[in-house]
Amino acid sequence: GRISFLDIADHVEAAMQSATFIANPSLED
């Protein structure tokens, strides 16, 4: 009950935009 249904996509998009990208990640990565 902390966010709305529409917030789910917004949170995912924000994470994808801000995350550090690793092109060839290992399992540890």
PDB file of all heavy atoms in Angstrom:
ATOM      1  N   GLY A   1       0.785  -1.221   0.000  1.00  0.00           N
ATOM      2  CA  GLY A   1       0.000   0.000   0.000  1.00  0.00           C
ATOM      3  C   GLY A   1       0.816   1.270   0.000  1.00  0.00           C
ATOM      4  O   GLY A   1       0.292   2.362   0.294  1.00  0.00           O
ATOM      5  N   ARG A   2       2.090   1.193  -0.377  1.00  0.00           N
ATOM      6  CA  ARG A   2       2.981   2.360  -0.326  1.00  0.00           C
ATOM      7  C   ARG A   2       3.015   3.126  -1.639  1.00  0.00           C
ATOM      8  O   ARG A   2       3.397   4.306  -1.656  1.00  0.00           O
ATOM      9  CB  ARG A   2       4.386   1.916   0.072  1.00  0.00           C
ATOM     10  CG  ARG A   2       4.457   1.336   1.478  1.00  0.00           C
ATOM     11  CD  ARG A   2       5.780   0.632   1.737  1.00  0.00           C
ATOM     12  NE  ARG A   2       6.908   1.531   1.553  1.00  0.00           N
ATOM     13  CZ  ARG A   2       8.172   1.118   1.486  1.00  0.00           C
ATOM     14  NH1 ARG A   2       8.449  -0.184   1.558  1.00  0.00           N
ATOM     15  NH2 ARG A   2       9.139   1.984   1.333  1.00  0.00           N
ATOM     16  N   ILE A   3       2.673   2.483  -2.748  1.00  0.00           N
ATOM     17  CA  ILE A   3       2.627   3.157  -4.037  1.00  0.00           C
ATOM     18  C   ILE A   3       1.365   2.729  -4.780  1.00  0.00           C
ATOM     19  O   ILE A   3       0.731   1.732  -4.415  1.00  0.00           O
ATOM     20  CB  ILE A   3       3.872   2.857  -4.904  1.00  0.00           C
ATOM     21  CG1 ILE A   3       3.926   1.368  -5.284  1.00  0.00           C
ATOM     22  CG2 ILE A   3       5.153   3.297  -4.210  1.00  0.00           C
ATOM     23  CD1 ILE A   3       5.028   1.041  -6.282  1.00  0.00           C
ATOM     24  N   SER A   4       1.027   3.464  -5.831  1.00  0.00           N
ATOM     25  CA  SER A   4      -0.130   3.116  -6.640  1.00  0.00           C
ATOM     26  C   SER A   4       0.258   2.118  -7.717  1.00  0.00           C
ATOM     27  O   SER A   4       1.439   1.873  -7.978  1.00  0.00           O
ATOM     28  CB  SER A   4      -0.717   4.373  -7.292  1.00  0.00           C
ATOM     29  OG  SER A   4       0.153   4.828  -8.336  1.00  0.00           O
ATOM     30  N   PHE A   5      -0.748   1.561  -8.376  1.00  0.00           N
ATOM     31  CA  PHE A   5      -0.504   0.590  -9.441  1.00  0.00           C
ATOM     32  C   PHE A   5       0.315   1.206 -10.574  1.00  0.00           C
ATOM     33  O   PHE A   5       1.273   0.599 -11.070  1.00  0.00           O
ATOM     34  CB  PHE A   5      -1.837   0.063  -9.966  1.00  0.00           C
ATOM     35  CG  PHE A   5      -1.699  -0.960 -11.053  1.00  0.00           C
ATOM     36  CD1 PHE A   5      -1.343  -2.265 -10.761  1.00  0.00           C
ATOM     37  CD2 PHE A   5      -1.925  -0.615 -12.377  1.00  0.00           C
ATOM     38  CE1 PHE A   5      -1.210  -3.212 -11.762  1.00  0.00           C
ATOM     39  CE2 PHE A   5      -1.804  -1.553 -13.390  1.00  0.00           C
ATOM     40  CZ  PHE A   5      -1.446  -2.858 -13.085  1.00  0.00           C
ATOM     41  N   LEU A   6      -0.020   2.428 -10.984  1.00  0.00           N
ATOM     42  CA  LEU A   6       0.708   3.082 -12.068  1.00  0.00           C
ATOM     43  C   LEU A   6       2.145   3.415 -11.683  1.00  0.00           C
ATOM     44  O   LEU A   6       3.008   3.551 -12.553  1.00  0.00           O
ATOM     45  CB  LEU A   6      -0.017   4.351 -12.511  1.00  0.00           C
ATOM     46  CG  LEU A   6      -1.316   4.156 -13.304  1.00  0.00           C
ATOM     47  CD1 LEU A   6      -1.964   5.504 -13.602  1.00  0.00           C
ATOM     48  CD2 LEU A   6      -1.064   3.389 -14.591  1.00  0.00           C
ATOM     49  N   ASP A   7       2.403   3.554 -10.379  1.00  0.00           N
ATOM     50  CA  ASP A   7       3.770   3.863  -9.929  1.00  0.00           C
ATOM     51  C   ASP A   7       4.743   2.726 -10.223  1.00  0.00           C
ATOM     52  O   ASP A   7       5.958   2.948 -10.275  1.00  0.00           O
ATOM     53  CB  ASP A   7       3.783   4.148  -8.422  1.00  0.00           C
ATOM     54  CG  ASP A   7       3.180   5.502  -8.073  1.00  0.00           C
ATOM     55  OD1 ASP A   7       3.172   6.384  -8.952  1.00  0.00           O
ATOM     56  OD2 ASP A   7       2.734   5.664  -6.925  1.00  0.00           O
ATOM     57  N   ILE A   8       4.230   1.511 -10.389  1.00  0.00           N
ATOM     58  CA  ILE A   8       5.129   0.374 -10.626  1.00  0.00           C
ATOM     59  C   ILE A   8       5.990   0.628 -11.858  1.00  0.00           C
ATOM     60  O   ILE A   8       7.225   0.537 -11.813  1.00  0.00           O
ATOM     61  CB  ILE A   8       4.330  -0.934 -10.778  1.00  0.00           C
ATOM     62  CG1 ILE A   8       3.624  -1.291  -9.469  1.00  0.00           C
ATOM     63  CG2 ILE A   8       5.259  -2.074 -11.217  1.00  0.00           C
ATOM     64  CD1 ILE A   8       2.684  -2.490  -9.578  1.00  0.00           C
ATOM     65  N   ALA A   9       5.360   0.966 -12.974  1.00  0.00           N
ATOM     66  CA  ALA A   9       6.121   1.227 -14.208  1.00  0.00           C
ATOM     67  C   ALA A   9       7.036   2.426 -14.047  1.00  0.00           C
ATOM     68  O   ALA A   9       8.180   2.423 -14.543  1.00  0.00           O
ATOM     69  CB  ALA A   9       5.155   1.448 -15.372  1.00  0.00           C
ATOM     70  N   ASP A  10       6.584   3.472 -13.344  1.00  0.00           N
ATOM     71  CA  ASP A  10       7.413   4.658 -13.147  1.00  0.00           C
ATOM     72  C   ASP A  10       8.675   4.320 -12.357  1.00  0.00           C
ATOM     73  O   ASP A  10       9.773   4.800 -12.675  1.00  0.00           O
ATOM     74  CB  ASP A  10       6.623   5.738 -12.408  1.00  0.00           C
ATOM     75  CG  ASP A  10       5.475   6.293 -13.239  1.00  0.00           C
ATOM     76  OD1 ASP A  10       5.515   6.148 -14.474  1.00  0.00           O
ATOM     77  OD2 ASP A  10       4.539   6.870 -12.645  1.00  0.00           O
ATOM     78  N   HIS A  11       8.538   3.490 -11.329  1.00  0.00           N
ATOM     79  CA  HIS A  11       9.698   3.110 -10.515  1.00  0.00           C
ATOM     80  C   HIS A  11      10.685   2.273 -11.333  1.00  0.00           C
ATOM     81  O   HIS A  11      11.898   2.447 -11.233  1.00  0.00           O
ATOM     82  CB  HIS A  11       9.233   2.317  -9.284  1.00  0.00           C
ATOM     83  CG  HIS A  11       8.718   3.170  -8.166  1.00  0.00           C
ATOM     84  ND1 HIS A  11       7.784   4.158  -8.363  1.00  0.00           N
ATOM     85  CD2 HIS A  11       9.001   3.188  -6.839  1.00  0.00           C
ATOM     86  CE1 HIS A  11       7.508   4.747  -7.203  1.00  0.00           C
ATOM     87  NE2 HIS A  11       8.235   4.169  -6.271  1.00  0.00           N
ATOM     88  N   VAL A  12      10.159   1.357 -12.137  1.00  0.00           N
ATOM     89  CA  VAL A  12      11.034   0.520 -12.969  1.00  0.00           C
ATOM     90  C   VAL A  12      11.776   1.377 -13.977  1.00  0.00           C
ATOM     91  O   VAL A  12      13.006   1.230 -14.170  1.00  0.00           O
ATOM     92  CB  VAL A  12      10.216  -0.572 -13.681  1.00  0.00           C
ATOM     93  CG1 VAL A  12      11.076  -1.331 -14.683  1.00  0.00           C
ATOM     94  CG2 VAL A  12       9.616  -1.540 -12.661  1.00  0.00           C
ATOM     95  N   GLU A  13      11.080   2.289 -14.628  1.00  0.00           N
ATOM     96  CA  GLU A  13      11.712   3.157 -15.620  1.00  0.00           C
ATOM     97  C   GLU A  13      12.799   4.021 -14.981  1.00  0.00           C
ATOM     98  O   GLU A  13      13.896   4.186 -15.547  1.00  0.00           O
ATOM     99  CB  GLU A  13      10.669   4.045 -16.279  1.00  0.00           C
ATOM    100  CG  GLU A  13      11.229   4.909 -17.395  1.00  0.00           C
ATOM    101  CD  GLU A  13      10.148   5.713 -18.082  1.00  0.00           C
ATOM    102  OE1 GLU A  13       9.259   6.254 -17.377  1.00  0.00           O
ATOM    103  OE2 GLU A  13      10.175   5.792 -19.327  1.00  0.00           O
ATOM    104  N   ALA A  14      12.524   4.569 -13.813  1.00  0.00           N
ATOM    105  CA  ALA A  14      13.510   5.406 -13.131  1.00  0.00           C
ATOM    106  C   ALA A  14      14.769   4.613 -12.792  1.00  0.00           C
ATOM    107  O   ALA A  14      15.896   5.113 -12.946  1.00  0.00           O
ATOM    108  CB  ALA A  14      12.893   6.002 -11.860  1.00  0.00           C
ATOM    109  N   ALA A  15      14.598   3.382 -12.344  1.00  0.00           N
ATOM    110  CA  ALA A  15      15.749   2.541 -12.019  1.00  0.00           C
ATOM    111  C   ALA A  15      16.574   2.243 -13.264  1.00  0.00           C
ATOM    112  O   ALA A  15      17.812   2.275 -13.235  1.00  0.00           O
ATOM    113  CB  ALA A  15      15.283   1.243 -11.370  1.00  0.00           C
ATOM    114  N   MET A  16      15.907   1.965 -14.381  1.00  0.00           N
ATOM    115  CA  MET A  16      16.613   1.661 -15.618  1.00  0.00           C
ATOM    116  C   MET A  16      17.386   2.866 -16.138  1.00  0.00           C
ATOM    117  O   MET A  16      18.456   2.731 -16.729  1.00  0.00           O
ATOM    118  CB  MET A  16      15.625   1.157 -16.674  1.00  0.00           C
ATOM    119  CG  MET A  16      15.038  -0.210 -16.354  1.00  0.00           C
ATOM    120  SD  MET A  16      13.706  -0.714 -17.500  1.00  0.00           S
ATOM    121  CE  MET A  16      14.599  -0.817 -19.058  1.00  0.00           C
ATOM    122  N   GLN A  17      16.861   4.050 -15.902  1.00  0.00           N
ATOM    123  CA  GLN A  17      17.528   5.267 -16.374  1.00  0.00           C
ATOM    124  C   GLN A  17      18.731   5.644 -15.523  1.00  0.00           C
ATOM    125  O   GLN A  17      19.695   6.239 -16.026  1.00  0.00           O
ATOM    126  CB  GLN A  17      16.521   6.425 -16.411  1.00  0.00           C
ATOM    127  CG  GLN A  17      15.461   6.288 -17.483  1.00  0.00           C
ATOM    128  CD  GLN A  17      14.413   7.372 -17.414  1.00  0.00           C
ATOM    129  OE1 GLN A  17      14.281   8.082 -16.409  1.00  0.00           O
ATOM    130  NE2 GLN A  17      13.612   7.512 -18.476  1.00  0.00           N
ATOM    131  N   SER A  18      18.695   5.298 -14.246  1.00  0.00           N
ATOM    132  CA  SER A  18      19.764   5.730 -13.333  1.00  0.00           C
ATOM    133  C   SER A  18      20.819   4.671 -13.065  1.00  0.00           C
ATOM    134  O   SER A  18      21.896   4.980 -12.553  1.00  0.00           O
ATOM    135  CB  SER A  18      19.153   6.174 -12.004  1.00  0.00           C
ATOM    136  OG  SER A  18      18.521   5.079 -11.348  1.00  0.00           O
ATOM    137  N   ALA A  19      20.552   3.429 -13.422  1.00  0.00           N
ATOM    138  CA  ALA A  19      21.464   2.334 -13.058  1.00  0.00           C
ATOM    139  C   ALA A  19      22.770   2.397 -13.843  1.00  0.00           C
ATOM    140  O   ALA A  19      22.819   2.881 -14.986  1.00  0.00           O
ATOM    141  CB  ALA A  19      20.782   0.992 -13.306  1.00  0.00           C
ATOM    142  N   THR A  20      23.821   1.887 -13.240  1.00  0.00           N
ATOM    143  CA  THR A  20      25.107   1.729 -13.919  1.00  0.00           C
ATOM    144  C   THR A  20      25.018   0.539 -14.861  1.00  0.00           C
ATOM    145  O   THR A  20      24.716  -0.577 -14.427  1.00  0.00           O
ATOM    146  CB  THR A  20      26.234   1.510 -12.906  1.00  0.00           C
ATOM    147  OG1 THR A  20      26.304   2.644 -12.035  1.00  0.00           O
ATOM    148  CG2 THR A  20      27.576   1.327 -13.618  1.00  0.00           C
ATOM    149  N   PHE A  21      25.297   0.778 -16.131  1.00  0.00           N
ATOM    150  CA  PHE A  21      25.163  -0.270 -17.138  1.00  0.00           C
ATOM    151  C   PHE A  21      26.443  -1.099 -17.226  1.00  0.00           C
ATOM    152  O   PHE A  21      27.547  -0.564 -17.270  1.00  0.00           O
ATOM    153  CB  PHE A  21      24.847   0.346 -18.508  1.00  0.00           C
ATOM    154  CG  PHE A  21      24.722  -0.665 -19.608  1.00  0.00           C
ATOM    155  CD1 PHE A  21      23.686  -1.586 -19.620  1.00  0.00           C
ATOM    156  CD2 PHE A  21      25.660  -0.706 -20.633  1.00  0.00           C
ATOM    157  CE1 PHE A  21      23.567  -2.524 -20.633  1.00  0.00           C
ATOM    158  CE2 PHE A  21      25.556  -1.638 -21.664  1.00  0.00           C
ATOM    159  CZ  PHE A  21      24.506  -2.551 -21.662  1.00  0.00           C
ATOM    160  N   ILE A  22      26.277  -2.421 -17.259  1.00  0.00           N
ATOM    161  CA  ILE A  22      27.399  -3.348 -17.445  1.00  0.00           C
ATOM    162  C   ILE A  22      27.069  -4.201 -18.661  1.00  0.00           C
ATOM    163  O   ILE A  22      26.090  -4.943 -18.665  1.00  0.00           O
ATOM    164  CB  ILE A  22      27.610  -4.238 -16.205  1.00  0.00           C
ATOM    165  CG1 ILE A  22      27.820  -3.390 -14.949  1.00  0.00           C
ATOM    166  CG2 ILE A  22      28.804  -5.168 -16.411  1.00  0.00           C
ATOM    167  CD1 ILE A  22      27.863  -4.194 -13.662  1.00  0.00           C
ATOM    168  N   ALA A  23      27.879  -4.080 -19.698  1.00  0.00           N
ATOM    169  CA  ALA A  23      27.573  -4.724 -20.975  1.00  0.00           C
ATOM    170  C   ALA A  23      27.698  -6.239 -20.917  1.00  0.00           C
ATOM    171  O   ALA A  23      26.886  -6.961 -21.511  1.00  0.00           O
ATOM    172  CB  ALA A  23      28.470  -4.163 -22.075  1.00  0.00           C
ATOM    173  N   ASN A  24      28.712  -6.741 -20.218  1.00  0.00           N
ATOM    174  CA  ASN A  24      28.951  -8.189 -20.148  1.00  0.00           C
ATOM    175  C   ASN A  24      29.104  -8.607 -18.688  1.00  0.00           C
ATOM    176  O   ASN A  24      30.211  -8.886 -18.215  1.00  0.00           O
ATOM    177  CB  ASN A  24      30.202  -8.560 -20.948  1.00  0.00           C
ATOM    178  CG  ASN A  24      30.045  -8.274 -22.421  1.00  0.00           C
ATOM    179  OD1 ASN A  24      29.225  -8.896 -23.095  1.00  0.00           O
ATOM    180  ND2 ASN A  24      30.821  -7.320 -22.929  1.00  0.00           N
ATOM    181  N   PRO A  25      28.008  -8.651 -17.949  1.00  0.00           N
ATOM    182  CA  PRO A  25      28.104  -8.900 -16.509  1.00  0.00           C
ATOM    183  C   PRO A  25      28.433 -10.350 -16.181  1.00  0.00           C
ATOM    184  O   PRO A  25      27.982 -11.280 -16.854  1.00  0.00           O
ATOM    185  CB  PRO A  25      26.702  -8.548 -16.002  1.00  0.00           C
ATOM    186  CG  PRO A  25      25.811  -8.825 -17.177  1.00  0.00           C
ATOM    187  CD  PRO A  25      26.622  -8.449 -18.390  1.00  0.00           C
ATOM    188  N   SER A  26      29.230 -10.525 -15.137  1.00  0.00           N
ATOM    189  CA  SER A  26      29.439 -11.851 -14.566  1.00  0.00           C
ATOM    190  C   SER A  26      28.284 -12.148 -13.622  1.00  0.00           C
ATOM    191  O   SER A  26      27.446 -11.273 -13.339  1.00  0.00           O
ATOM    192  CB  SER A  26      30.757 -11.889 -13.786  1.00  0.00           C
ATOM    193  OG  SER A  26      30.683 -11.007 -12.661  1.00  0.00           O
ATOM    194  N   LEU A  27      28.239 -13.363 -13.110  1.00  0.00           N
ATOM    195  CA  LEU A  27      27.195 -13.710 -12.141  1.00  0.00           C
ATOM    196  C   LEU A  27      27.303 -12.814 -10.910  1.00  0.00           C
ATOM    197  O   LEU A  27      26.292 -12.355 -10.371  1.00  0.00           O
ATOM    198  CB  LEU A  27      27.318 -15.188 -11.753  1.00  0.00           C
ATOM    199  CG  LEU A  27      26.165 -15.752 -10.906  1.00  0.00           C
ATOM    200  CD1 LEU A  27      24.838 -15.659 -11.662  1.00  0.00           C
ATOM    201  CD2 LEU A  27      26.459 -17.204 -10.527  1.00  0.00           C
ATOM    202  N   GLU A  28      28.537 -12.545 -10.478  1.00  0.00           N
ATOM    203  CA  GLU A  28      28.747 -11.669  -9.320  1.00  0.00           C
ATOM    204  C   GLU A  28      28.240 -10.258  -9.606  1.00  0.00           C
ATOM    205  O   GLU A  28      27.658  -9.608  -8.732  1.00  0.00           O
ATOM    206  CB  GLU A  28      30.231 -11.632  -8.940  1.00  0.00           C
ATOM    207  CG  GLU A  28      30.773 -12.929  -8.364  1.00  0.00           C
ATOM    208  CD  GLU A  28      30.933 -14.030  -9.419  1.00  0.00           C
ATOM    209  OE1 GLU A  28      31.034 -13.688 -10.627  1.00  0.00           O
ATOM    210  OE2 GLU A  28      30.949 -15.216  -9.038  1.00  0.00           O
ATOM    211  N   ASP A  29      28.446  -9.779 -10.843  1.00  0.00           N
ATOM    212  CA  ASP A  29      27.940  -8.460 -11.219  1.00  0.00           C
ATOM    213  C   ASP A  29      26.418  -8.402 -11.105  1.00  0.00           C
ATOM    214  O   ASP A  29      25.846  -7.394 -10.670  1.00  0.00           O
ATOM    215  CB  ASP A  29      28.339  -8.126 -12.658  1.00  0.00           C
ATOM    216  CG  ASP A  29      29.826  -7.863 -12.818  1.00  0.00           C
ATOM    217  OD1 ASP A  29      30.467  -7.410 -11.856  1.00  0.00           O
ATOM    218  OD2 ASP A  29      30.352  -8.130 -13.926  1.00  0.00           O
TER     219      ASP A  29
END
